[in-house]
């Protein structure tokens, strides 16, 4: 019995990547576990592995945007500052800290000036949309260490 027949016996039919990615992924996992390497869709597997890294980067970016937008709202709407905002900021910082422990290779993003400029722009856009204000700085006036510090809040 060849590999394809074995796949058919196991209810696998070599689904095309574009047809159904979930079935394709399960099939590729089965092929790896059963050492059917000659049947693997190597090109699409490589793309999916790269996409995992991109997804992890997007997760960190999204968390940073939310945190910075909250810090902007804190600084530029002092009359609305409440303990619940502080808790939200604290929770976002904690989530980022945990995330960076789980994916430590992403810490380099925090030193990437261009990446931080994009994050800042997205955070300003989000804060503007939520507050109706348009007086936010064009360039981030805070250090990354301040942004992520549990004790720091902008004045």
C-alpha atoms as a PDB file:
ATOM      1  CA  UNK A   1       0.000   0.000   0.000  1.00  0.00           C
ATOM      2  CA  UNK A   2       1.447   3.388  -0.998  1.00  0.00           C
ATOM      3  CA  UNK A   3       1.232   6.584   1.087  1.00  0.00           C
ATOM      4  CA  UNK A   4      -1.748   7.911  -0.834  1.00  0.00           C
ATOM      5  CA  UNK A   5      -3.679   4.690  -0.245  1.00  0.00           C
ATOM      6  CA  UNK A   6      -2.743   4.843   3.423  1.00  0.00           C
ATOM      7  CA  UNK A   7      -4.070   8.391   3.525  1.00  0.00           C
ATOM      8  CA  UNK A   8      -7.315   7.334   1.899  1.00  0.00           C
ATOM      9  CA  UNK A   9      -7.616   4.445   4.380  1.00  0.00           C
ATOM     10  CA  UNK A  10      -7.174   7.016   7.166  1.00  0.00           C
ATOM     11  CA  UNK A  11      -9.859   9.239   5.550  1.00  0.00           C
ATOM     12  CA  UNK A  12      -7.351  11.693   4.130  1.00  0.00           C
ATOM     13  CA  UNK A  13      -7.557  12.668   0.499  1.00  0.00           C
ATOM     14  CA  UNK A  14      -4.802  15.265   0.120  1.00  0.00           C
ATOM     15  CA  UNK A  15      -6.996  18.347   0.261  1.00  0.00           C
ATOM     16  CA  UNK A  16      -5.686  21.376  -1.611  1.00  0.00           C
ATOM     17  CA  UNK A  17      -4.566  24.279   0.573  1.00  0.00           C
ATOM     18  CA  UNK A  18      -7.029  26.686  -1.079  1.00  0.00           C
ATOM     19  CA  UNK A  19      -9.957  24.258  -0.775  1.00  0.00           C
ATOM     20  CA  UNK A  20     -10.173  24.054   3.028  1.00  0.00           C
ATOM     21  CA  UNK A  21      -7.260  25.270   5.145  1.00  0.00           C
ATOM     22  CA  UNK A  22      -8.493  23.554   8.322  1.00  0.00           C
ATOM     23  CA  UNK A  23      -8.762  20.146   6.669  1.00  0.00           C
ATOM     24  CA  UNK A  24      -5.465  20.822   4.887  1.00  0.00           C
ATOM     25  CA  UNK A  25      -3.730  21.690   8.201  1.00  0.00           C
ATOM     26  CA  UNK A  26      -5.039  18.546   9.907  1.00  0.00           C
ATOM     27  CA  UNK A  27      -3.934  16.479   6.957  1.00  0.00           C
ATOM     28  CA  UNK A  28      -0.451  18.015   6.968  1.00  0.00           C
ATOM     29  CA  UNK A  29      -0.150  17.326  10.708  1.00  0.00           C
ATOM     30  CA  UNK A  30      -1.141  13.693  10.104  1.00  0.00           C
ATOM     31  CA  UNK A  31       1.458  13.416   7.358  1.00  0.00           C
ATOM     32  CA  UNK A  32       4.196  14.763   9.639  1.00  0.00           C
ATOM     33  CA  UNK A  33       3.228  12.494  12.544  1.00  0.00           C
ATOM     34  CA  UNK A  34       3.188   9.499  10.237  1.00  0.00           C
ATOM     35  CA  UNK A  35       6.466  10.482   8.597  1.00  0.00           C
ATOM     36  CA  UNK A  36       4.912  10.839   5.137  1.00  0.00           C
ATOM     37  CA  UNK A  37       7.273  13.673   4.331  1.00  0.00           C
ATOM     38  CA  UNK A  38       7.170  13.121   0.586  1.00  0.00           C
ATOM     39  CA  UNK A  39       3.474  14.079   0.560  1.00  0.00           C
ATOM     40  CA  UNK A  40       3.821  17.318   2.514  1.00  0.00           C
ATOM     41  CA  UNK A  41       2.835  20.635   0.956  1.00  0.00           C
ATOM     42  CA  UNK A  42       6.155  22.236   1.911  1.00  0.00           C
ATOM     43  CA  UNK A  43       5.574  25.643   0.303  1.00  0.00           C
ATOM     44  CA  UNK A  44       2.277  26.247   2.081  1.00  0.00           C
ATOM     45  CA  UNK A  45       3.602  24.830   5.353  1.00  0.00           C
ATOM     46  CA  UNK A  46       6.450  27.357   5.191  1.00  0.00           C
ATOM     47  CA  UNK A  47       3.959  30.178   4.553  1.00  0.00           C
ATOM     48  CA  UNK A  48       1.839  29.099   7.506  1.00  0.00           C
ATOM     49  CA  UNK A  49       4.866  28.985   9.802  1.00  0.00           C
ATOM     50  CA  UNK A  50       5.813  32.515   8.725  1.00  0.00           C
ATOM     51  CA  UNK A  51       2.224  33.618   9.313  1.00  0.00           C
ATOM     52  CA  UNK A  52       2.419  32.367  12.899  1.00  0.00           C
ATOM     53  CA  UNK A  53       5.271  34.801  13.496  1.00  0.00           C
ATOM     54  CA  UNK A  54       3.331  37.625  11.863  1.00  0.00           C
ATOM     55  CA  UNK A  55       0.300  36.803  13.969  1.00  0.00           C
ATOM     56  CA  UNK A  56       2.382  36.977  17.140  1.00  0.00           C
ATOM     57  CA  UNK A  57       3.730  40.369  16.067  1.00  0.00           C
ATOM     58  CA  UNK A  58       0.199  41.636  15.375  1.00  0.00           C
ATOM     59  CA  UNK A  59      -0.888  40.494  18.835  1.00  0.00           C
ATOM     60  CA  UNK A  60       1.886  42.497  20.501  1.00  0.00           C
ATOM     61  CA  UNK A  61       1.164  45.503  18.277  1.00  0.00           C
ATOM     62  CA  UNK A  62      -2.547  45.410  19.118  1.00  0.00           C
ATOM     63  CA  UNK A  63      -1.842  45.225  22.842  1.00  0.00           C
ATOM     64  CA  UNK A  64       0.621  48.125  22.641  1.00  0.00           C
ATOM     65  CA  UNK A  65      -1.853  50.246  20.656  1.00  0.00           C
ATOM     66  CA  UNK A  66      -4.571  49.690  23.267  1.00  0.00           C
ATOM     67  CA  UNK A  67      -2.195  50.496  26.122  1.00  0.00           C
ATOM     68  CA  UNK A  68      -0.828  53.662  24.521  1.00  0.00           C
ATOM     69  CA  UNK A  69      -4.316  54.843  23.536  1.00  0.00           C
ATOM     70  CA  UNK A  70      -5.398  54.366  27.161  1.00  0.00           C
ATOM     71  CA  UNK A  71      -2.359  56.338  28.361  1.00  0.00           C
ATOM     72  CA  UNK A  72      -3.181  59.127  25.909  1.00  0.00           C
ATOM     73  CA  UNK A  73      -6.759  59.254  27.158  1.00  0.00           C
ATOM     74  CA  UNK A  74      -5.448  59.317  30.735  1.00  0.00           C
ATOM     75  CA  UNK A  75      -3.168  62.290  30.023  1.00  0.00           C
ATOM     76  CA  UNK A  76      -5.486  64.300  27.791  1.00  0.00           C
ATOM     77  CA  UNK A  77      -8.745  63.708  29.650  1.00  0.00           C
ATOM     78  CA  UNK A  78      -7.737  64.221  33.298  1.00  0.00           C
ATOM     79  CA  UNK A  79     -11.320  65.046  34.244  1.00  0.00           C
ATOM     80  CA  UNK A  80     -12.331  61.499  33.263  1.00  0.00           C
ATOM     81  CA  UNK A  81      -9.557  59.669  35.118  1.00  0.00           C
ATOM     82  CA  UNK A  82     -10.978  56.884  37.264  1.00  0.00           C
ATOM     83  CA  UNK A  83      -9.629  53.898  39.124  1.00  0.00           C
ATOM     84  CA  UNK A  84     -11.153  51.659  36.434  1.00  0.00           C
ATOM     85  CA  UNK A  85      -8.880  53.315  33.849  1.00  0.00           C
ATOM     86  CA  UNK A  86      -5.873  52.614  36.031  1.00  0.00           C
ATOM     87  CA  UNK A  87      -6.950  48.984  36.288  1.00  0.00           C
ATOM     88  CA  UNK A  88      -7.382  48.756  32.530  1.00  0.00           C
ATOM     89  CA  UNK A  89      -3.889  50.193  32.002  1.00  0.00           C
ATOM     90  CA  UNK A  90      -2.431  47.863  34.620  1.00  0.00           C
ATOM     91  CA  UNK A  91      -4.152  44.840  33.086  1.00  0.00           C
ATOM     92  CA  UNK A  92      -2.897  45.692  29.609  1.00  0.00           C
ATOM     93  CA  UNK A  93       0.660  46.087  30.912  1.00  0.00           C
ATOM     94  CA  UNK A  94       0.428  42.766  32.709  1.00  0.00           C
ATOM     95  CA  UNK A  95      -0.902  41.058  29.572  1.00  0.00           C
ATOM     96  CA  UNK A  96       1.993  42.495  27.526  1.00  0.00           C
ATOM     97  CA  UNK A  97       4.506  41.379  30.145  1.00  0.00           C
ATOM     98  CA  UNK A  98       3.121  37.848  30.141  1.00  0.00           C
ATOM     99  CA  UNK A  99       3.005  37.831  26.359  1.00  0.00           C
ATOM    100  CA  UNK A 100       6.655  38.885  26.098  1.00  0.00           C
ATOM    101  CA  UNK A 101       7.619  36.093  28.496  1.00  0.00           C
ATOM    102  CA  UNK A 102       5.782  33.610  26.289  1.00  0.00           C
ATOM    103  CA  UNK A 103       7.308  35.027  23.081  1.00  0.00           C
ATOM    104  CA  UNK A 104      10.582  36.638  24.204  1.00  0.00           C
ATOM    105  CA  UNK A 105      11.873  37.104  20.653  1.00  0.00           C
ATOM    106  CA  UNK A 106       9.308  39.898  20.227  1.00  0.00           C
ATOM    107  CA  UNK A 107      11.120  42.115  22.749  1.00  0.00           C
ATOM    108  CA  UNK A 108      13.263  43.389  19.865  1.00  0.00           C
ATOM    109  CA  UNK A 109      10.147  45.064  18.451  1.00  0.00           C
ATOM    110  CA  UNK A 110      10.178  47.396  21.458  1.00  0.00           C
ATOM    111  CA  UNK A 111      13.528  48.770  20.234  1.00  0.00           C
ATOM    112  CA  UNK A 112      12.408  49.135  16.618  1.00  0.00           C
ATOM    113  CA  UNK A 113      11.874  52.867  16.022  1.00  0.00           C
ATOM    114  CA  UNK A 114       9.844  52.395  12.821  1.00  0.00           C
ATOM    115  CA  UNK A 115       7.593  49.787  14.460  1.00  0.00           C
ATOM    116  CA  UNK A 116       7.017  52.096  17.423  1.00  0.00           C
ATOM    117  CA  UNK A 117       6.137  54.987  15.094  1.00  0.00           C
ATOM    118  CA  UNK A 118       3.443  52.823  13.504  1.00  0.00           C
ATOM    119  CA  UNK A 119       2.160  51.768  16.933  1.00  0.00           C
ATOM    120  CA  UNK A 120       2.086  55.402  18.056  1.00  0.00           C
ATOM    121  CA  UNK A 121       0.165  56.469  14.959  1.00  0.00           C
ATOM    122  CA  UNK A 122      -2.387  53.701  15.441  1.00  0.00           C
ATOM    123  CA  UNK A 123      -2.764  54.550  19.136  1.00  0.00           C
ATOM    124  CA  UNK A 124      -3.257  58.249  18.376  1.00  0.00           C
ATOM    125  CA  UNK A 125      -5.881  57.346  15.779  1.00  0.00           C
ATOM    126  CA  UNK A 126      -7.680  55.089  18.252  1.00  0.00           C
ATOM    127  CA  UNK A 127      -7.541  57.659  21.064  1.00  0.00           C
ATOM    128  CA  UNK A 128      -8.795  60.388  18.698  1.00  0.00           C
ATOM    129  CA  UNK A 129     -11.659  58.209  17.580  1.00  0.00           C
ATOM    130  CA  UNK A 130     -12.640  57.384  21.177  1.00  0.00           C
ATOM    131  CA  UNK A 131     -12.274  60.906  22.595  1.00  0.00           C
ATOM    132  CA  UNK A 132     -12.996  63.235  19.705  1.00  0.00           C
ATOM    133  CA  UNK A 133      -9.737  65.040  20.531  1.00  0.00           C
ATOM    134  CA  UNK A 134      -7.129  65.844  17.914  1.00  0.00           C
ATOM    135  CA  UNK A 135      -4.427  67.476  20.037  1.00  0.00           C
ATOM    136  CA  UNK A 136      -2.179  64.466  20.560  1.00  0.00           C
ATOM    137  CA  UNK A 137       1.570  64.720  19.907  1.00  0.00           C
ATOM    138  CA  UNK A 138       2.784  63.507  16.520  1.00  0.00           C
ATOM    139  CA  UNK A 139       5.776  61.798  18.118  1.00  0.00           C
ATOM    140  CA  UNK A 140       5.626  59.664  21.238  1.00  0.00           C
ATOM    141  CA  UNK A 141       6.988  61.694  24.176  1.00  0.00           C
ATOM    142  CA  UNK A 142       7.331  58.619  26.406  1.00  0.00           C
ATOM    143  CA  UNK A 143       9.939  55.916  26.646  1.00  0.00           C
ATOM    144  CA  UNK A 144       8.963  52.287  26.165  1.00  0.00           C
ATOM    145  CA  UNK A 145      10.121  51.571  29.706  1.00  0.00           C
ATOM    146  CA  UNK A 146       7.690  54.224  31.011  1.00  0.00           C
ATOM    147  CA  UNK A 147       4.853  52.896  28.873  1.00  0.00           C
ATOM    148  CA  UNK A 148       5.364  49.403  30.263  1.00  0.00           C
ATOM    149  CA  UNK A 149       6.160  50.449  33.857  1.00  0.00           C
ATOM    150  CA  UNK A 150       3.557  49.358  36.384  1.00  0.00           C
ATOM    151  CA  UNK A 151       3.906  52.574  38.362  1.00  0.00           C
ATOM    152  CA  UNK A 152       4.101  55.213  35.632  1.00  0.00           C
ATOM    153  CA  UNK A 153       1.200  57.288  34.350  1.00  0.00           C
ATOM    154  CA  UNK A 154       1.570  60.334  32.096  1.00  0.00           C
ATOM    155  CA  UNK A 155       0.812  63.692  33.676  1.00  0.00           C
END
